[in-house]
């Protein structure tokens, strides 16, 4: 279930015009005062550095609400394009400012734009309205030398992966099994054009025993093929008992060569 809004910050064009003044990508307070020194320290890092932000679908949903956004695509597509163009330019400027200080290992965006069986808007509508923004950001990301351009979306993503690949996105998560995502099938279909993170059925973790053994075995071909960081296919739920979680971690460590 997606989030619900009591009142949205944008309910008419006046709200939208007023909201824009709050987004100044060149505001000096968006970076810490010691940004140059911090960037220099991060350039010599040992850990993994990720920049994360909301994609167009997610951000517009924050402004107008889920139902409001879905109807707005039909009722006022011009306003949708205007809002997407604004967010696209805002994020593009923030990325360039950040890349002046440090180049991360990954740029990761969130869309959460799929239900259990289908995407929340059609692939055709996604191509028309959102794909150009993903592409523009991807050009900036690749131009800076960032190796991973990632996407987060719950739900069934089989319709969206081809568009993500076209946009230059090369990793996605969390690959929810309950939504119908079949990671081995994705690997056969898309090859190594897409890498994955997540993908371990949380329901198998909760059942434990043979169920989690079978789940790791199901994923073993993709683990062995590479381009896959296996983990829970979203947050670990409360019905996963501690002994079963420990068992899952041990099986995963062996399957990936950690042990």
Protein backbone atom coordinates (compact mmCIF):
# COMPACT_ATOMS: atom_id res chain seq x y z
CA UNK A 1 0.00 0.00 0.00
CA UNK A 2 1.33 3.42 -0.92
CA UNK A 3 1.14 6.48 1.32
CA UNK A 4 -1.92 8.72 1.59
CA UNK A 5 -2.14 12.49 1.97
CA UNK A 6 -4.41 14.56 4.20
CA UNK A 7 -3.60 17.73 2.27
CA UNK A 8 -1.19 18.14 -0.62
CA UNK A 9 1.17 21.12 -0.95
CA UNK A 10 0.07 21.64 -4.56
CA UNK A 11 -3.67 21.69 -5.19
CA UNK A 12 -3.78 24.38 -7.89
CA UNK A 13 -1.47 26.38 -10.12
CA UNK A 14 -1.06 29.16 -7.53
CA UNK A 15 0.24 26.59 -5.04
CA UNK A 16 2.68 25.33 -7.66
CA UNK A 17 3.98 28.81 -8.49
CA UNK A 18 4.48 29.53 -4.79
CA UNK A 19 6.22 26.21 -4.13
CA UNK A 20 8.91 26.73 -6.75
CA UNK A 21 10.61 29.51 -4.80
CA UNK A 22 11.50 26.98 -2.11
CA UNK A 23 13.76 25.07 -4.52
CA UNK A 24 16.98 26.98 -5.08
CA UNK A 25 19.69 24.59 -6.23
CA UNK A 26 22.35 27.29 -5.82
CA UNK A 27 21.51 28.11 -2.20
CA UNK A 28 24.90 27.89 -0.44
CA UNK A 29 23.35 26.14 2.57
CA UNK A 30 22.61 23.07 0.43
CA UNK A 31 26.26 22.11 0.87
CA UNK A 32 28.16 22.15 4.18
CA UNK A 33 30.57 24.98 4.81
CA UNK A 34 33.51 22.57 4.60
CA UNK A 35 32.29 20.92 1.38
CA UNK A 36 35.67 21.15 -0.32
CA UNK A 37 37.50 19.50 2.58
CA UNK A 38 34.79 16.89 2.98
CA UNK A 39 34.96 16.09 -0.72
CA UNK A 40 38.72 15.66 -0.50
CA UNK A 41 38.36 13.22 2.40
CA UNK A 42 35.65 11.27 0.59
CA UNK A 43 37.80 11.01 -2.51
CA UNK A 44 40.16 8.82 -0.46
CA UNK A 45 37.34 6.74 1.04
CA UNK A 46 37.34 3.01 1.63
CA UNK A 47 33.55 2.62 1.85
CA UNK A 48 30.76 2.89 -0.71
CA UNK A 49 29.36 6.37 -1.39
CA UNK A 50 25.84 6.89 -2.77
CA UNK A 51 23.84 9.99 -3.65
CA UNK A 52 20.08 9.48 -3.48
CA UNK A 53 17.08 11.57 -4.55
CA UNK A 54 13.48 11.27 -5.75
CA UNK A 55 12.65 10.67 -9.39
CA UNK A 56 9.94 12.63 -11.24
CA UNK A 57 7.06 10.28 -10.46
CA UNK A 58 7.92 10.12 -6.77
CA UNK A 59 8.47 13.88 -6.40
CA UNK A 60 5.30 14.92 -8.22
CA UNK A 61 3.38 12.44 -6.07
CA UNK A 62 4.78 14.22 -2.99
CA UNK A 63 3.49 17.51 -4.36
CA UNK A 64 0.02 16.56 -5.61
CA UNK A 65 -0.74 13.15 -4.05
CA UNK A 66 -1.02 9.78 -5.75
CA UNK A 67 -4.59 10.06 -7.02
CA UNK A 68 -3.98 13.70 -7.94
CA UNK A 69 -0.94 12.82 -10.02
CA UNK A 70 -2.61 9.94 -11.84
CA UNK A 71 -5.57 12.13 -12.86
CA UNK A 72 -3.31 15.09 -13.66
CA UNK A 73 -1.57 13.08 -16.39
CA UNK A 74 -4.96 13.01 -18.13
CA UNK A 75 -6.52 16.31 -17.06
CA UNK A 76 -3.56 18.68 -17.34
CA UNK A 77 -0.56 17.01 -19.04
CA UNK A 78 0.96 20.41 -19.66
CA UNK A 79 1.25 21.05 -15.93
CA UNK A 80 2.77 17.59 -15.43
CA UNK A 81 5.42 18.36 -18.06
CA UNK A 82 6.12 21.72 -16.43
CA UNK A 83 6.59 20.17 -13.02
CA UNK A 84 8.81 17.38 -14.36
CA UNK A 85 10.94 19.89 -16.27
CA UNK A 86 11.37 21.95 -13.11
CA UNK A 87 12.42 18.94 -11.03
CA UNK A 88 14.70 17.70 -13.80
CA UNK A 89 16.59 21.00 -13.93
CA UNK A 90 16.73 21.27 -10.14
CA UNK A 91 18.27 17.82 -9.70
CA UNK A 92 20.62 18.30 -12.67
CA UNK A 93 22.03 21.42 -11.02
CA UNK A 94 22.37 19.70 -7.64
CA UNK A 95 24.20 16.77 -9.26
CA UNK A 96 26.66 19.07 -10.99
CA UNK A 97 27.30 20.95 -7.75
CA UNK A 98 27.90 17.71 -5.86
CA UNK A 99 30.18 16.31 -8.57
CA UNK A 100 32.37 19.40 -8.30
CA UNK A 101 33.28 18.14 -4.81
CA UNK A 102 33.23 14.35 -5.06
CA UNK A 103 32.35 11.54 -7.47
CA UNK A 104 30.27 8.86 -5.70
CA UNK A 105 30.12 5.16 -6.44
CA UNK A 106 26.39 5.33 -7.16
CA UNK A 107 23.60 7.76 -7.92
CA UNK A 108 20.33 6.19 -6.82
CA UNK A 109 16.82 7.49 -7.43
CA UNK A 110 13.46 6.31 -6.10
CA UNK A 111 10.22 6.13 -8.06
CA UNK A 112 8.07 3.42 -6.38
CA UNK A 113 5.85 3.38 -9.46
CA UNK A 114 4.53 -0.17 -9.70
CA UNK A 115 1.71 -2.26 -8.23
CA UNK A 116 1.73 -6.02 -7.75
CA UNK A 117 1.15 -6.84 -11.41
CA UNK A 118 1.70 -3.64 -13.42
CA UNK A 119 3.34 -0.24 -13.31
CA UNK A 120 1.25 2.63 -11.92
CA UNK A 121 1.29 4.41 -15.26
CA UNK A 122 1.66 2.63 -18.59
CA UNK A 123 5.06 2.06 -20.20
CA UNK A 124 3.92 4.31 -23.05
CA UNK A 125 3.10 7.14 -20.64
CA UNK A 126 6.35 6.53 -18.78
CA UNK A 127 8.26 6.82 -22.04
CA UNK A 128 6.50 10.04 -22.99
CA UNK A 129 6.67 11.89 -19.68
CA UNK A 130 9.51 10.49 -17.58
CA UNK A 131 12.10 8.70 -19.72
CA UNK A 132 13.65 11.95 -21.07
CA UNK A 133 14.42 13.07 -17.51
CA UNK A 134 16.01 9.76 -16.57
CA UNK A 135 18.12 10.01 -19.73
CA UNK A 136 19.30 13.56 -19.01
CA UNK A 137 20.31 12.69 -15.47
CA UNK A 138 22.00 9.55 -16.77
CA UNK A 139 24.12 11.59 -19.16
CA UNK A 140 25.28 13.76 -16.25
CA UNK A 141 25.97 10.72 -14.08
CA UNK A 142 27.95 8.85 -16.74
CA UNK A 143 29.73 12.02 -17.81
CA UNK A 144 31.02 12.42 -14.26
CA UNK A 145 32.33 8.85 -14.23
CA UNK A 146 29.84 7.44 -11.71
CA UNK A 147 29.73 3.66 -12.36
CA UNK A 148 26.29 2.83 -10.91
CA UNK A 149 23.06 4.62 -11.83
CA UNK A 150 20.40 2.87 -9.78
CA UNK A 151 16.62 2.78 -9.46
CA UNK A 152 14.37 1.88 -6.53
CA UNK A 153 10.81 0.77 -7.18
CA UNK A 154 8.55 -1.60 -5.31
CA UNK A 155 5.98 -3.69 -7.16
CA UNK A 156 6.28 -5.57 -10.45
CA UNK A 157 9.00 -3.90 -12.50
CA UNK A 158 9.15 -6.18 -15.55
CA UNK A 159 7.45 -3.52 -17.70
CA UNK A 160 9.82 -0.81 -16.53
CA UNK A 161 13.24 -2.47 -16.73
CA UNK A 162 13.49 -2.02 -20.55
CA UNK A 163 12.86 1.71 -20.12
CA UNK A 164 15.41 1.93 -17.32
CA UNK A 165 18.01 0.23 -19.49
CA UNK A 166 17.23 2.66 -22.29
CA UNK A 167 17.74 5.53 -19.84
CA UNK A 168 21.19 4.24 -18.89
CA UNK A 169 20.11 2.90 -15.50
CA UNK A 170 22.19 -0.20 -14.78
CA UNK A 171 21.01 -1.36 -11.32
CA UNK A 172 17.63 -1.69 -9.63
CA UNK A 173 16.16 -2.81 -6.31
CA UNK A 174 14.49 -4.29 -4.24
CA UNK A 175 12.97 -6.89 -6.66
CA UNK A 176 9.96 -7.92 -4.55
CA UNK A 177 9.13 -11.57 -5.14
CA UNK A 178 5.54 -11.24 -3.85
CA UNK A 179 4.88 -8.72 -6.64
CA UNK A 180 5.70 -11.32 -9.29
CA UNK A 181 9.31 -10.38 -9.99
CA UNK A 182 11.33 -13.41 -11.12
CA UNK A 183 15.01 -12.50 -10.90
CA UNK A 184 16.38 -15.52 -12.79
CA UNK A 185 13.87 -14.81 -15.56
CA UNK A 186 14.95 -11.16 -15.63
CA UNK A 187 18.57 -12.22 -16.02
CA UNK A 188 17.67 -14.52 -18.92
CA UNK A 189 15.62 -11.77 -20.56
CA UNK A 190 17.83 -8.73 -20.00
CA UNK A 191 21.23 -10.34 -19.65
CA UNK A 192 23.85 -8.25 -17.91
CA UNK A 193 22.39 -4.93 -19.03
CA UNK A 194 20.82 -4.67 -15.58
CA UNK A 195 22.29 -5.47 -12.17
CA UNK A 196 20.14 -6.11 -9.08
CA UNK A 197 20.09 -5.63 -5.34
CA UNK A 198 17.65 -7.43 -3.02
CA UNK A 199 15.58 -10.23 -4.51
CA UNK A 200 15.41 -12.67 -1.54
CA UNK A 201 11.77 -13.42 -0.71
CA UNK A 202 11.01 -12.13 2.78
CA UNK A 203 8.20 -14.71 3.06
CA UNK A 204 10.72 -17.55 2.67
CA UNK A 205 12.83 -15.93 5.36
CA UNK A 206 9.80 -15.98 7.68
CA UNK A 207 9.06 -19.64 6.92
CA UNK A 208 12.69 -20.56 7.52
CA UNK A 209 14.05 -24.11 7.21
CA UNK A 210 13.73 -25.71 3.80
CA UNK A 211 11.88 -22.66 2.43
CA UNK A 212 14.85 -20.33 2.78
CA UNK A 213 17.22 -23.04 1.52
CA UNK A 214 15.11 -23.40 -1.60
CA UNK A 215 14.97 -19.62 -2.03
CA UNK A 216 18.74 -19.24 -1.99
CA UNK A 217 19.02 -22.19 -4.39
CA UNK A 218 16.51 -20.48 -6.73
CA UNK A 219 18.71 -17.39 -6.85
CA UNK A 220 22.00 -19.27 -7.08
CA UNK A 221 22.32 -18.99 -10.91
CA UNK A 222 22.11 -15.19 -10.70
CA UNK A 223 24.45 -15.08 -7.70
CA UNK A 224 27.00 -17.12 -9.64
CA UNK A 225 26.54 -15.01 -12.78
CA UNK A 226 27.39 -11.77 -10.94
CA UNK A 227 25.88 -8.31 -11.07
CA UNK A 228 23.67 -9.16 -8.10
CA UNK A 229 23.89 -8.20 -4.42
CA UNK A 230 21.37 -10.56 -2.76
CA UNK A 231 19.47 -9.35 0.28
CA UNK A 232 15.92 -9.14 1.62
CA UNK A 233 13.53 -7.90 -1.07
CA UNK A 234 12.56 -4.95 1.18
CA UNK A 235 12.69 -4.30 4.91
CA UNK A 236 12.92 -7.45 7.03
CA UNK A 237 9.41 -7.88 8.53
CA UNK A 238 8.63 -8.63 12.16
CA UNK A 239 7.48 -12.20 11.43
CA UNK A 240 11.06 -13.25 10.66
CA UNK A 241 12.32 -14.99 13.80
CA UNK A 242 15.90 -14.35 14.86
CA UNK A 243 17.07 -17.97 14.39
CA UNK A 244 15.60 -17.98 10.88
CA UNK A 245 17.31 -14.69 10.10
CA UNK A 246 20.65 -16.05 11.30
CA UNK A 247 20.11 -19.13 9.15
CA UNK A 248 19.32 -16.94 6.12
CA UNK A 249 22.49 -14.88 6.65
CA UNK A 250 24.60 -18.02 6.91
CA UNK A 251 23.17 -19.53 3.73
CA UNK A 252 23.68 -16.26 1.90
CA UNK A 253 27.26 -15.95 3.12
CA UNK A 254 28.09 -19.42 1.80
CA UNK A 255 26.30 -18.87 -1.53
CA UNK A 256 28.20 -15.63 -2.16
CA UNK A 257 31.58 -16.88 -1.03
CA UNK A 258 31.80 -14.84 2.17
CA UNK A 259 32.29 -18.07 4.14
